[in-house]
Protein backbone atom coordinates (compact mmCIF):
# COMPACT_ATOMS: atom_id res chain seq x y z
CA UNK A 1 -11.01 8.32 -11.28
CA UNK A 2 -10.83 12.05 -12.60
CA UNK A 3 -13.73 13.96 -10.86
CA UNK A 4 -16.77 14.71 -12.56
CA UNK A 5 -19.00 16.43 -9.82
CA UNK A 6 -22.11 14.60 -10.41
CA UNK A 7 -25.04 16.17 -8.75
CA UNK A 8 -27.28 13.75 -6.89
CA UNK A 9 -30.71 14.48 -5.84
CA UNK A 10 -31.30 15.02 -2.00
CA UNK A 11 -32.95 14.05 0.00
CA UNK A 12 -32.38 10.25 -1.06
CA UNK A 13 -34.99 8.46 -2.55
CA UNK A 14 -34.57 5.40 -3.93
CA UNK A 15 -36.05 6.23 -7.27
CA UNK A 16 -33.54 9.01 -7.81
CA UNK A 17 -30.53 6.79 -6.39
CA UNK A 18 -31.31 4.18 -9.36
CA UNK A 19 -30.75 6.60 -11.71
CA UNK A 20 -27.24 7.85 -10.70
CA UNK A 21 -25.81 5.32 -8.18
CA UNK A 22 -24.39 1.86 -9.00
CA UNK A 23 -22.98 -1.05 -7.43
CA UNK A 24 -18.86 -0.81 -7.55
CA UNK A 25 -16.55 -3.26 -6.34
CA UNK A 26 -12.92 -2.05 -6.57
CA UNK A 27 -9.27 -3.38 -6.01
CA UNK A 28 -6.59 -1.71 -4.49
CA UNK A 29 -2.83 -3.49 -4.59
CA UNK A 30 -0.59 -4.09 -2.00
CA UNK A 31 2.36 -1.75 -1.75
CA UNK A 32 6.00 -1.40 -0.45
CA UNK A 33 6.49 1.64 1.86
CA UNK A 34 9.84 3.36 1.59
CA UNK A 35 11.74 0.99 -0.69
CA UNK A 36 14.57 1.04 1.44
CA UNK A 37 15.77 4.60 0.54
CA UNK A 38 12.95 6.81 0.84
CA UNK A 39 11.39 6.75 4.47
CA UNK A 40 7.81 7.90 3.96
CA UNK A 41 8.43 9.51 0.69
CA UNK A 42 8.44 6.18 -1.63
CA UNK A 43 6.42 3.66 -2.07
CA UNK A 44 5.76 0.76 -4.78
CA UNK A 45 2.44 -0.96 -5.84
CA UNK A 46 2.57 -4.87 -6.41
CA UNK A 47 1.45 -6.95 -8.89
CA UNK A 48 2.28 -10.89 -8.49
CA UNK A 49 3.83 -12.73 -11.61
CA UNK A 50 1.07 -15.28 -11.19
CA UNK A 51 -1.52 -13.02 -11.84
CA UNK A 52 -3.35 -13.49 -8.39
CA UNK A 53 -4.65 -10.15 -6.81
CA UNK A 54 -2.64 -9.24 -3.61
CA UNK A 55 -4.53 -6.37 -2.19
CA UNK A 56 -7.85 -5.50 -0.69
CA UNK A 57 -11.23 -5.40 -2.20
CA UNK A 58 -14.48 -3.34 -1.44
CA UNK A 59 -17.75 -3.20 -2.75
CA UNK A 60 -20.31 -0.44 -2.34
CA UNK A 61 -23.67 -0.79 -3.60
CA UNK A 62 -27.09 1.01 -3.10
CA UNK A 63 -29.43 -0.21 0.12
CA UNK A 64 -32.31 0.55 1.81
CA UNK A 65 -30.25 1.68 5.02
CA UNK A 66 -26.49 1.69 5.62
CA UNK A 67 -24.68 -1.62 6.12
CA UNK A 68 -21.10 -2.81 6.59
CA UNK A 69 -20.06 -6.37 6.48
CA UNK A 70 -16.46 -8.26 6.59
CA UNK A 71 -15.11 -11.42 4.71
CA UNK A 72 -11.61 -12.48 3.63
CA UNK A 73 -8.82 -14.67 5.06
CA UNK A 74 -8.17 -11.45 7.43
CA UNK A 75 -11.26 -10.19 8.47
CA UNK A 76 -11.42 -12.02 11.88
CA UNK A 77 -8.67 -9.98 13.11
CA UNK A 78 -10.58 -6.80 12.34
CA UNK A 79 -14.02 -8.23 13.50
CA UNK A 80 -12.38 -8.50 17.04
CA UNK A 81 -11.51 -4.78 17.22
CA UNK A 82 -13.87 -2.26 18.88
CA UNK A 83 -12.90 0.77 17.05
CA UNK A 84 -14.72 1.66 13.63
CA UNK A 85 -13.63 -0.06 10.65
CA UNK A 86 -11.23 2.00 8.32
CA UNK A 87 -13.85 1.56 5.51
CA UNK A 88 -16.59 3.45 7.76
CA UNK A 89 -14.07 6.10 8.93
CA UNK A 90 -12.96 6.60 5.14
CA UNK A 91 -16.49 6.63 4.10
CA UNK A 92 -17.10 9.40 6.72
CA UNK A 93 -14.34 11.23 5.53
CA UNK A 94 -15.30 11.15 1.86
CA UNK A 95 -18.63 12.65 2.70
CA UNK A 96 -16.85 15.47 4.57
CA UNK A 97 -14.59 16.14 1.65
CA UNK A 98 -17.65 15.83 -1.00
CA UNK A 99 -19.61 18.36 1.20
CA UNK A 100 -22.84 16.10 1.38
CA UNK A 101 -24.02 13.00 3.52
CA UNK A 102 -23.44 9.70 1.46
CA UNK A 103 -26.77 7.79 0.17
CA UNK A 104 -27.65 4.55 1.92
CA UNK A 105 -24.61 2.04 0.96
CA UNK A 106 -24.16 -1.35 1.59
CA UNK A 107 -20.16 -1.44 1.88
CA UNK A 108 -18.33 -4.72 2.11
CA UNK A 109 -14.48 -5.17 2.88
CA UNK A 110 -12.79 -8.41 1.42
CA UNK A 111 -9.96 -8.35 3.82
CA UNK A 112 -7.14 -10.08 1.70
CA UNK A 113 -4.13 -8.51 3.03
CA UNK A 114 -2.65 -9.63 6.68
CA UNK A 115 -2.63 -6.89 9.36
CA UNK A 116 0.14 -5.22 10.55
CA UNK A 117 2.30 -6.75 7.92
CA UNK A 118 4.36 -4.19 6.16
CA UNK A 119 2.42 -4.62 2.88
CA UNK A 120 0.44 -1.37 3.03
CA UNK A 121 -2.65 -3.40 4.38
CA UNK A 122 -4.40 -0.38 5.87
CA UNK A 123 -3.99 1.70 2.56
CA UNK A 124 -5.11 -1.20 0.63
CA UNK A 125 -8.31 -1.05 2.74
CA UNK A 126 -8.59 2.81 2.52
CA UNK A 127 -8.06 3.40 -1.01
CA UNK A 128 -10.19 0.35 -2.13
CA UNK A 129 -13.04 2.01 -0.47
CA UNK A 130 -12.16 5.35 -2.33
CA UNK A 131 -12.35 3.93 -5.21
CA UNK A 132 -15.56 1.94 -4.81
CA UNK A 133 -17.17 5.16 -3.53
CA UNK A 134 -15.71 7.08 -6.42
CA UNK A 135 -17.03 4.57 -8.81
CA UNK A 136 -20.68 4.43 -7.02
CA UNK A 137 -21.23 8.01 -6.77
CA UNK A 138 -20.15 9.28 -10.15
CA UNK A 139 -16.62 10.12 -9.28
CA UNK A 140 -17.55 13.60 -7.29
CA UNK A 141 -13.84 13.93 -6.29
CA UNK A 142 -10.42 14.67 -8.02
CA UNK A 143 -7.37 13.11 -7.81
CA UNK A 144 -5.66 15.36 -5.39
CA UNK A 145 -8.77 15.00 -3.17
CA UNK A 146 -8.66 11.32 -2.98
CA UNK A 147 -5.01 11.27 -2.32
CA UNK A 148 -5.13 13.83 0.30
CA UNK A 149 -8.10 11.60 1.83
CA UNK A 150 -5.98 8.65 1.63
CA UNK A 151 -2.88 10.22 3.65
CA UNK A 152 -5.40 11.64 6.30
CA UNK A 153 -7.03 8.20 6.72
CA UNK A 154 -3.37 6.45 7.23
CA UNK A 155 -3.13 8.81 10.23
CA UNK A 156 -6.55 7.87 11.92
CA UNK A 157 -5.09 5.11 14.24
CA UNK A 158 -2.09 6.85 14.89
CA UNK A 159 1.42 8.03 13.26
CA UNK A 160 -0.21 11.17 11.52
CA UNK A 161 -0.86 11.78 7.74
CA UNK A 162 1.42 9.98 5.20
CA UNK A 163 1.00 8.59 1.56
CA UNK A 164 3.96 6.63 0.86
CA UNK A 165 1.68 3.44 0.50
CA UNK A 166 -1.45 5.22 -0.29
CA UNK A 167 0.12 7.02 -3.49
CA UNK A 168 1.07 3.93 -5.54
CA UNK A 169 -2.04 2.15 -4.14
CA UNK A 170 -4.19 4.74 -5.50
CA UNK A 171 -2.05 5.54 -8.79
CA UNK A 172 0.25 2.57 -9.40
CA UNK A 173 3.62 2.72 -9.98
CA UNK A 174 6.85 3.64 -8.08
CA UNK A 175 5.94 7.17 -6.62
CA UNK A 176 7.81 9.61 -4.91
CA UNK A 177 6.23 12.07 -2.82
CA UNK A 178 6.92 15.86 -3.66
CA UNK A 179 6.98 18.93 -0.90
CA UNK A 180 3.97 20.06 -2.99
CA UNK A 181 1.95 17.09 -1.97
CA UNK A 182 1.99 15.62 -5.33
CA UNK A 183 3.26 11.65 -6.12
CA UNK A 184 5.37 11.57 -8.86
CA UNK A 185 5.99 8.56 -11.14
CA UNK A 186 9.70 7.24 -10.97
CA UNK A 187 10.84 4.71 -14.07
CA UNK A 188 11.48 1.40 -12.95
CA UNK A 189 13.20 -1.27 -15.07
CA UNK A 190 10.89 -3.77 -16.72
CA UNK A 191 13.37 -7.00 -15.93
CA UNK A 192 13.58 -6.38 -12.12
CA UNK A 193 11.35 -8.26 -10.08
CA UNK A 194 10.49 -7.51 -6.29
CA UNK A 195 10.68 -10.30 -4.39
CA UNK A 196 8.30 -10.02 -0.86
CA UNK A 197 8.35 -12.28 2.05
CA UNK A 198 5.90 -12.25 4.88
CA UNK A 199 6.77 -13.92 7.63
CA UNK A 200 4.13 -15.34 10.14
CA UNK A 201 4.28 -12.60 12.59
CA UNK A 202 2.56 -9.07 13.00
CA UNK A 203 4.65 -6.16 13.78
CA UNK A 204 2.06 -3.34 14.39
CA UNK A 205 2.86 0.06 12.75
CA UNK A 206 3.14 1.67 15.93
CA UNK A 207 5.36 -0.35 17.45
CA UNK A 208 7.71 -0.07 14.42
CA UNK A 209 7.64 3.59 14.41
CA UNK A 210 8.23 3.70 18.15
CA UNK A 211 11.45 1.86 17.78
CA UNK A 212 12.79 4.83 15.74
CA UNK A 213 14.36 7.89 17.37
CA UNK A 214 12.72 11.52 17.61
CA UNK A 215 15.94 13.05 16.00
CA UNK A 216 18.75 12.04 13.76
CA UNK A 217 22.23 13.55 13.72
CA UNK A 218 22.91 16.15 10.70
CA UNK A 219 25.46 13.84 9.10
CA UNK A 220 22.42 10.88 8.92
CA UNK A 221 20.01 13.09 7.59
CA UNK A 222 22.66 14.32 4.77
CA UNK A 223 23.38 10.90 4.04
CA UNK A 224 19.68 9.76 3.66
CA UNK A 225 19.09 12.95 1.39
CA UNK A 226 22.30 11.98 -0.76
CA UNK A 227 21.07 8.47 -1.06
CA UNK A 228 17.69 9.02 -2.09
CA UNK A 229 18.96 11.58 -4.50
CA UNK A 230 21.36 8.98 -6.04
CA UNK A 231 18.44 6.45 -6.24
CA UNK A 232 16.43 8.61 -8.23
CA UNK A 233 19.27 9.44 -10.60
CA UNK A 234 19.93 5.66 -10.77
CA UNK A 235 16.51 5.13 -11.98
CA UNK A 236 16.26 8.16 -14.11
CA UNK A 237 19.79 7.12 -16.01
CA UNK A 238 19.51 3.20 -15.97
CA UNK A 239 22.71 3.15 -13.84
CA UNK A 240 22.31 -0.67 -12.23
CA UNK A 241 25.36 -0.53 -10.26
CA UNK A 242 24.30 2.84 -8.71
CA UNK A 243 20.95 1.49 -7.91
CA UNK A 244 22.44 -1.60 -6.18
CA UNK A 245 24.54 0.81 -3.86
CA UNK A 246 21.23 3.00 -3.07
CA UNK A 247 18.94 0.14 -2.56
CA UNK A 248 19.54 0.46 1.52
CA UNK A 249 17.97 2.17 4.39
CA UNK A 250 20.33 3.90 6.53
CA UNK A 251 17.73 5.83 8.42
CA UNK A 252 15.09 3.38 9.77
CA UNK A 253 16.22 -0.11 9.33
CA UNK A 254 19.08 -0.13 11.93
CA UNK A 255 16.56 0.71 14.65
CA UNK A 256 13.91 -1.85 13.28
CA UNK A 257 15.82 -4.76 12.28
CA UNK A 258 15.85 -6.36 16.21
CA UNK A 259 11.94 -6.33 15.71
CA UNK A 260 11.83 -8.90 13.13
CA UNK A 261 13.52 -12.42 14.02
CA UNK A 262 16.18 -13.40 11.44
CA UNK A 263 15.88 -10.46 9.35
CA UNK A 264 19.85 -9.99 9.05
CA UNK A 265 20.00 -13.66 8.15
CA UNK A 266 17.19 -12.99 5.73
CA UNK A 267 19.02 -10.25 4.31
CA UNK A 268 22.26 -11.93 3.97
CA UNK A 269 21.02 -14.86 2.43
CA UNK A 270 19.07 -12.81 -0.25
CA UNK A 271 22.46 -10.70 -1.22
CA UNK A 272 24.03 -14.01 -1.74
CA UNK A 273 21.46 -15.27 -3.81
CA UNK A 274 21.64 -12.51 -6.03
CA UNK A 275 19.65 -9.51 -5.07
CA UNK A 276 20.60 -6.02 -5.64
CA UNK A 277 19.07 -5.20 -2.55
CA UNK A 278 17.05 -6.02 0.31
CA UNK A 279 15.40 -4.50 3.31
CA UNK A 280 12.17 -4.06 5.38
CA UNK A 281 8.89 -3.34 3.46
CA UNK A 282 7.62 -0.48 5.05
CA UNK A 283 7.70 -0.92 8.74
CA UNK A 284 7.98 -4.57 8.57
CA UNK A 285 7.73 -7.53 9.46
CA UNK A 286 7.69 -8.14 5.58
CA UNK A 287 10.62 -7.90 3.93
CA UNK A 288 11.52 -7.31 0.08
CA UNK A 289 14.42 -7.82 -2.37
CA UNK A 290 15.08 -6.53 -5.85
CA UNK A 291 16.43 -9.07 -8.51
CA UNK A 292 16.37 -9.85 -12.07
CA UNK A 293 14.08 -11.89 -13.43
CA UNK A 294 16.22 -14.90 -13.59
CA UNK A 295 17.36 -14.53 -10.13
CA UNK A 296 14.41 -14.05 -8.46
CA UNK A 297 13.12 -17.94 -7.78
CA UNK A 298 16.50 -18.34 -6.11
CA UNK A 299 16.06 -15.03 -3.91
CA UNK A 300 12.56 -15.83 -2.82
CA UNK A 301 13.77 -19.69 -1.67
CA UNK A 302 16.87 -18.29 0.18
CA UNK A 303 14.54 -15.65 1.88
CA UNK A 304 11.90 -18.13 3.00
CA UNK A 305 14.49 -20.84 3.98
CA UNK A 306 16.29 -18.07 6.33
CA UNK A 307 13.03 -17.28 8.03
CA UNK A 308 12.46 -20.88 8.63
CA UNK A 309 15.63 -21.24 10.42
CA UNK A 310 14.35 -18.39 12.70
CA UNK A 311 11.47 -20.30 13.45
CA UNK A 312 9.07 -18.22 11.16
CA UNK A 313 6.88 -19.52 8.45
CA UNK A 314 6.32 -17.05 5.50
CA UNK A 315 4.38 -16.55 2.46
CA UNK A 316 6.40 -15.28 -0.68
CA UNK A 317 5.67 -13.56 -3.78
CA UNK A 318 7.46 -12.88 -6.91
CA UNK A 319 5.99 -9.22 -8.44
CA UNK A 320 6.59 -6.83 -11.19
CA UNK A 321 5.27 -3.20 -10.55
CA UNK A 322 1.48 -2.54 -10.51
CA UNK A 323 1.50 0.10 -12.72
CA UNK A 324 -2.67 0.50 -12.79
CA UNK A 325 -3.36 1.17 -9.25
CA UNK A 326 -6.72 1.03 -7.81
CA UNK A 327 -9.36 -0.27 -10.18
CA UNK A 328 -12.64 -1.91 -10.78
CA UNK A 329 -12.78 -5.66 -11.18
CA UNK A 330 -15.12 -5.82 -14.12
CA UNK A 331 -14.87 -4.87 -17.83
CA UNK A 332 -17.09 -1.60 -18.65
CA UNK A 333 -19.18 -0.03 -15.58
CA UNK A 334 -17.61 -0.74 -12.56
CA UNK A 335 -20.33 -3.24 -11.30
CA UNK A 336 -20.34 -6.37 -8.66
């Protein structure tokens, strides 16, 4: 999605549009924010091992007049909202960053991720929209523009700009956000799996963030920094024992755990089944665990059983790291 700065004619006329625009259907993967150790700084993109697409899809196509439609298993919850959908807000922000109005486009969101799930649902919608617009319009923006736009869009409905889900969904992999605004890729062992379990409940990010204290003691801040630094060291050196010690959340999890019924029992069940670590996925209520490929099925079974004992059904996936990030869903030109 490198920027080529295509020059499109204005005012828009359909003959000229046909020469420049093309329908585009883009996918953006689900993600784990924080990855336990890195509150607002780490994110991992998810790819289920069964080959299914875990994430949202957005289509952008030339049209006589602007239009927006919704479909997908989680579209109903969005249709009930009275505020503009994120797709439309992102399109407006894209045009502002580009410095020109968008041509008439029919935008369609396939909402495939549950809302308020801790799976980067809003980030997936945002990134899929950015990727579809980029492809439809000839890639007018650069990667840094897209990352900044995505982070801004995450703050549209509260919480302020943040990119821990945006960066991996856009760029793929396990991403560490740096003070300069970059999102560097960290290594991840090929034999490790993410076991992700989503209980049948919603936990709005605003509520989850509201459970956090406004300030933390100096000792806790130092402990958080040391834990994150040690996790990065473990990944770069392949120190599996150190990785297991650092896959924990000393900062947010203690405050958020009571918001998810059965969380501590799920966490204990995962560890007993052989996980290296288990914590909330982003702000919850989804929970993730890291385990070897041989232990992942047992970990998944133990976690879903523990949620069932707490009275919650759950969906569960065994995932690898999605290293591709946002992408078109067809070979060759990004067309629907």
